[in-house]
Amino acid sequence: MELTELRRNIDAVAAELVRLLTRRMEIADQIAEYKKGAGLPAMDACREREKLEAICADAREDMAQPLRVVYSLLF
């Protein structure tokens, strides 16, 4: 595969990530509003740990740690 094609592919993935991350942030805003209205704490450290473990368990072994970092930033 040529470098130009590889760059096109990574740019397409980046565009899809922007779309998906934007949607995720919209949903996170909805969750925050729900929690605020229900008097619940914004952060749930236990759930975040559970989600991180599940994400890492589903990932390829060599991708688990980088994904942990990315998702930690998202949370």
Protein backbone atom coordinates (compact mmCIF):
# COMPACT_ATOMS: atom_id res chain seq x y z
CA MET A 1 0.00 0.00 0.00
CA GLU A 2 1.30 3.45 -0.86
CA LEU A 3 1.87 6.16 1.73
CA THR A 4 -0.80 8.37 0.15
CA GLU A 5 -3.39 5.61 0.46
CA LEU A 6 -2.37 4.88 4.05
CA ARG A 7 -2.75 8.56 4.89
CA ARG A 8 -6.19 8.63 3.25
CA ASN A 9 -7.16 5.62 5.36
CA ILE A 10 -5.95 7.16 8.62
CA ASP A 11 -7.70 10.44 7.76
CA ALA A 12 -10.95 8.53 7.20
CA VAL A 13 -10.56 6.81 10.56
CA ALA A 14 -9.81 10.18 12.21
CA ALA A 15 -12.98 11.66 10.69
CA GLU A 16 -15.01 8.73 11.99
CA LEU A 17 -13.42 9.11 15.44
CA VAL A 18 -14.42 12.78 15.50
CA ARG A 19 -18.00 11.84 14.66
CA LEU A 20 -18.12 9.07 17.26
CA LEU A 21 -16.38 11.08 19.99
CA THR A 22 -18.74 13.99 19.38
CA ARG A 23 -21.69 11.63 19.79
CA ARG A 24 -20.15 10.18 22.95
CA MET A 25 -19.71 13.66 24.42
CA GLU A 26 -23.32 14.51 23.60
CA ILE A 27 -24.48 11.39 25.45
CA ALA A 28 -22.12 12.17 28.36
CA ASP A 29 -23.75 15.62 28.59
CA GLN A 30 -27.17 13.96 28.75
CA ILE A 31 -25.96 11.66 31.51
CA ALA A 32 -24.55 14.63 33.44
CA GLU A 33 -27.88 16.45 33.17
CA TYR A 34 -29.73 13.34 34.33
CA LYS A 35 -27.41 12.89 37.31
CA LYS A 36 -27.68 16.57 38.20
CA GLY A 37 -31.49 16.39 38.13
CA ALA A 38 -31.47 13.20 40.19
CA GLY A 39 -29.00 14.56 42.72
CA LEU A 40 -26.42 11.92 41.82
CA PRO A 41 -22.66 12.51 41.89
CA ALA A 42 -21.15 13.33 38.50
CA MET A 43 -18.29 10.87 38.85
CA ASP A 44 -18.60 7.15 39.50
CA ALA A 45 -15.05 5.87 40.02
CA CYS A 46 -16.21 2.27 40.45
CA ARG A 47 -18.02 2.27 37.08
CA GLU A 48 -15.04 3.92 35.39
CA ARG A 49 -12.73 1.19 36.73
CA GLU A 50 -15.15 -1.51 35.58
CA LYS A 51 -15.39 0.04 32.10
CA LEU A 52 -11.61 0.37 31.81
CA GLU A 53 -11.15 -3.26 32.75
CA ALA A 54 -13.79 -4.39 30.26
CA ILE A 55 -12.26 -2.28 27.47
CA CYS A 56 -8.78 -3.63 28.17
CA ALA A 57 -10.09 -7.20 28.34
CA ASP A 58 -11.69 -6.80 24.90
CA ALA A 59 -8.61 -5.20 23.35
CA ARG A 60 -5.67 -6.85 21.70
CA GLU A 61 -2.96 -7.41 24.27
CA ASP A 62 -0.63 -4.82 22.71
CA MET A 63 -3.43 -2.23 22.62
CA ALA A 64 -4.77 -2.62 26.17
CA GLN A 65 -2.47 -0.07 27.82
CA PRO A 66 -2.79 2.61 25.10
CA LEU A 67 -6.57 2.18 25.21
CA ARG A 68 -6.52 2.48 28.99
CA VAL A 69 -4.75 5.84 28.62
CA VAL A 70 -7.18 7.07 25.95
CA TYR A 71 -10.28 6.04 27.89
CA SER A 72 -8.87 7.45 31.13
CA LEU A 73 -8.63 10.80 29.37
CA LEU A 74 -12.17 10.45 28.04
CA PHE A 75 -13.57 9.73 31.47
